[in-house]
Amino acid sequence: MKNILILALVLLTATSFAQRNRYKNITEKNGKIGIGTTMPDALLTVKGQIHTQEVLVDLEGAVAPDYVFETYFNGSSVLKSDYKFLSLNEVASYIGSNHHLPGVPSARQLEMEGMELKEMNLILLEKIEELTIYTLEQQKEIDHLKEALDKLER
């Protein structure tokens, strides 16, 4: 009987200990959860890779870049009044001086501060919308030049 009690005590202790240390890479500190870190600095901090099928990011006050088209077609934007659509010459000048696109953090800034996915996705969408406008302008110019060339060839 004594051996059975000792065996039961050993098994109970081993099981309890194994359950407590089941996730050695997860830490909780001040209501914040850390995975792969003992010093979580946000509600959930993960130091390492995350594999997921999808991430949903709420805008929560951020403005989607419809202001690019609004500014281009209306001259200004209600959505973002401080936005200025730059000409390609202005963009080229900025790139020449700063070695990155206007409104996009530099490589050094990204290296030092990291990046927020929501913010970067909105910046990239802004750049896509600007590129779309530049492409449309170029297509109008190409069409105009084709018409002029057709008239000269007649």
Protein backbone atom coordinates (compact mmCIF):
# COMPACT_ATOMS: atom_id res chain seq x y z
CA MET A 1 0.00 0.00 0.00
CA LYS A 2 2.85 2.34 0.90
CA ASN A 3 4.47 1.71 -2.51
CA ILE A 4 1.20 2.51 -4.30
CA LEU A 5 0.88 5.82 -2.43
CA ILE A 6 4.46 6.76 -3.23
CA LEU A 7 3.95 5.84 -6.90
CA ALA A 8 0.71 7.86 -7.02
CA LEU A 9 2.45 10.85 -5.39
CA VAL A 10 5.36 10.65 -7.87
CA LEU A 11 2.96 10.40 -10.85
CA LEU A 12 0.81 13.28 -9.58
CA THR A 13 3.87 15.47 -9.02
CA ALA A 14 5.35 14.65 -12.44
CA THR A 15 2.04 15.31 -14.18
CA SER A 16 1.51 18.62 -12.40
CA PHE A 17 5.06 19.76 -13.11
CA ALA A 18 4.82 18.78 -16.78
CA GLN A 19 1.60 20.75 -17.20
CA ARG A 20 3.02 23.90 -15.62
CA ASN A 21 6.06 23.94 -17.93
CA ARG A 22 4.16 22.82 -21.00
CA TYR A 23 4.75 26.08 -22.92
CA LYS A 24 8.24 27.19 -21.97
CA ASN A 25 8.31 29.98 -24.58
CA ILE A 26 5.16 31.75 -23.31
CA THR A 27 5.44 34.47 -20.65
CA GLU A 28 2.83 36.64 -18.94
CA LYS A 29 3.92 39.90 -17.38
CA ASN A 30 1.67 42.76 -16.23
CA GLY A 31 -1.24 41.42 -18.26
CA LYS A 32 0.87 41.20 -21.43
CA ILE A 33 1.66 37.92 -23.15
CA GLY A 34 5.07 37.18 -24.63
CA ILE A 35 5.87 34.35 -27.00
CA GLY A 36 9.57 33.83 -27.49
CA THR A 37 10.32 36.72 -25.12
CA THR A 38 10.31 37.27 -21.39
CA MET A 39 9.69 41.01 -21.80
CA PRO A 40 6.41 41.56 -23.67
CA ASP A 41 5.92 45.24 -24.52
CA ALA A 42 2.41 44.99 -26.01
CA LEU A 43 -0.76 43.05 -25.31
CA LEU A 44 0.81 40.25 -27.39
CA THR A 45 4.51 40.30 -28.24
CA VAL A 46 5.94 37.59 -30.49
CA LYS A 47 9.67 37.32 -31.11
CA GLY A 48 9.92 34.94 -34.03
CA GLN A 49 7.93 33.83 -37.02
CA ILE A 50 4.16 33.70 -37.14
CA HIS A 51 2.40 31.37 -39.57
CA THR A 52 -1.18 32.28 -40.34
CA GLN A 53 -3.59 32.15 -43.23
CA GLU A 54 -4.92 35.66 -42.77
CA VAL A 55 -4.51 38.80 -40.68
CA LEU A 56 -7.33 41.31 -40.28
CA VAL A 57 -6.19 44.83 -39.45
CA ASP A 58 -8.81 47.37 -38.34
CA LEU A 59 -8.31 50.93 -39.59
CA GLU A 60 -9.55 52.50 -36.33
CA GLY A 61 -9.36 56.13 -37.38
CA ALA A 62 -6.81 55.72 -40.16
CA VAL A 63 -7.78 57.12 -43.56
CA ALA A 64 -7.73 54.90 -46.63
CA PRO A 65 -5.93 56.63 -49.49
CA ASP A 66 -9.01 57.63 -51.52
CA TYR A 67 -7.70 61.12 -50.83
CA VAL A 68 -5.17 60.61 -53.64
CA PHE A 69 -7.87 60.42 -56.31
CA GLU A 70 -9.97 63.03 -54.53
CA THR A 71 -7.06 65.48 -54.59
CA TYR A 72 -6.17 64.72 -58.19
CA PHE A 73 -9.69 65.17 -59.54
CA ASN A 74 -10.97 67.89 -57.15
CA GLY A 75 -7.80 69.82 -56.38
CA SER A 76 -7.99 69.06 -52.65
CA SER A 77 -9.21 66.40 -50.26
CA VAL A 78 -11.75 66.44 -47.48
CA LEU A 79 -10.40 63.08 -46.28
CA LYS A 80 -6.83 64.33 -45.83
CA SER A 81 -6.51 68.07 -46.34
CA ASP A 82 -2.70 68.13 -45.98
CA TYR A 83 -2.10 65.65 -48.83
CA LYS A 84 -0.30 67.07 -51.87
CA PHE A 85 -0.15 65.16 -55.15
CA LEU A 86 3.39 65.58 -56.46
CA SER A 87 4.36 65.77 -60.11
CA LEU A 88 6.79 63.16 -61.40
CA ASN A 89 9.47 65.87 -61.52
CA GLU A 90 8.87 66.63 -57.83
CA VAL A 91 9.05 62.90 -57.01
CA ALA A 92 12.29 62.56 -58.99
CA SER A 93 13.80 65.53 -57.18
CA TYR A 94 12.79 64.13 -53.78
CA ILE A 95 14.23 60.71 -54.62
CA GLY A 96 17.45 62.34 -55.81
CA SER A 97 17.85 64.15 -52.48
CA ASN A 98 16.50 61.53 -50.06
CA HIS A 99 17.01 58.19 -51.85
CA HIS A 100 13.50 56.96 -51.02
CA LEU A 101 9.95 57.79 -52.02
CA PRO A 102 8.20 60.75 -50.41
CA GLY A 103 5.97 59.64 -47.57
CA VAL A 104 7.77 56.29 -47.24
CA PRO A 105 10.11 55.74 -44.30
CA SER A 106 13.78 55.38 -45.19
CA ALA A 107 15.58 52.05 -44.81
CA ARG A 108 17.43 53.46 -41.81
CA GLN A 109 14.20 54.59 -40.15
CA LEU A 110 12.61 51.18 -40.74
CA GLU A 111 15.68 49.45 -39.36
CA MET A 112 15.65 51.57 -36.20
CA GLU A 113 11.90 51.78 -35.57
CA GLY A 114 10.44 48.79 -37.40
CA MET A 115 7.13 49.26 -39.17
CA GLU A 116 3.47 49.00 -38.39
CA LEU A 117 1.70 46.84 -40.94
CA LYS A 118 -1.43 48.99 -41.05
CA GLU A 119 0.56 52.17 -41.62
CA MET A 120 2.84 50.61 -44.23
CA ASN A 121 -0.05 49.02 -46.13
CA LEU A 122 -1.79 52.40 -46.29
CA ILE A 123 1.41 54.09 -47.47
CA LEU A 124 1.89 51.44 -50.17
CA LEU A 125 -1.73 51.77 -51.29
CA GLU A 126 -1.22 55.55 -51.52
CA LYS A 127 1.81 54.94 -53.76
CA ILE A 128 -0.16 52.48 -55.93
CA GLU A 129 -2.91 55.06 -56.39
CA GLU A 130 -0.32 57.71 -57.31
CA LEU A 131 1.29 55.31 -59.79
CA THR A 132 -2.14 54.65 -61.31
CA ILE A 133 -2.64 58.37 -61.87
CA TYR A 134 0.84 58.77 -63.40
CA THR A 135 0.10 55.81 -65.69
CA LEU A 136 -3.25 57.27 -66.74
CA GLU A 137 -1.59 60.63 -67.48
CA GLN A 138 1.10 58.92 -69.53
CA GLN A 139 -1.52 56.93 -71.46
CA LYS A 140 -3.38 60.15 -72.31
CA GLU A 141 -0.12 61.63 -73.58
CA ILE A 142 0.65 58.50 -75.61
CA ASP A 143 -2.84 58.58 -77.14
CA HIS A 144 -2.45 62.27 -77.97
CA LEU A 145 0.95 61.66 -79.58
CA LYS A 146 -0.47 58.75 -81.61
CA GLU A 147 -3.25 60.98 -82.90
CA ALA A 148 -0.76 63.69 -83.80
CA LEU A 149 1.46 61.15 -85.55
CA ASP A 150 -1.51 59.72 -87.48
CA LYS A 151 -2.41 63.23 -88.69
CA LEU A 152 1.17 63.84 -89.84
CA GLU A 153 1.33 60.50 -91.68
CA ARG A 154 -1.87 61.24 -93.66
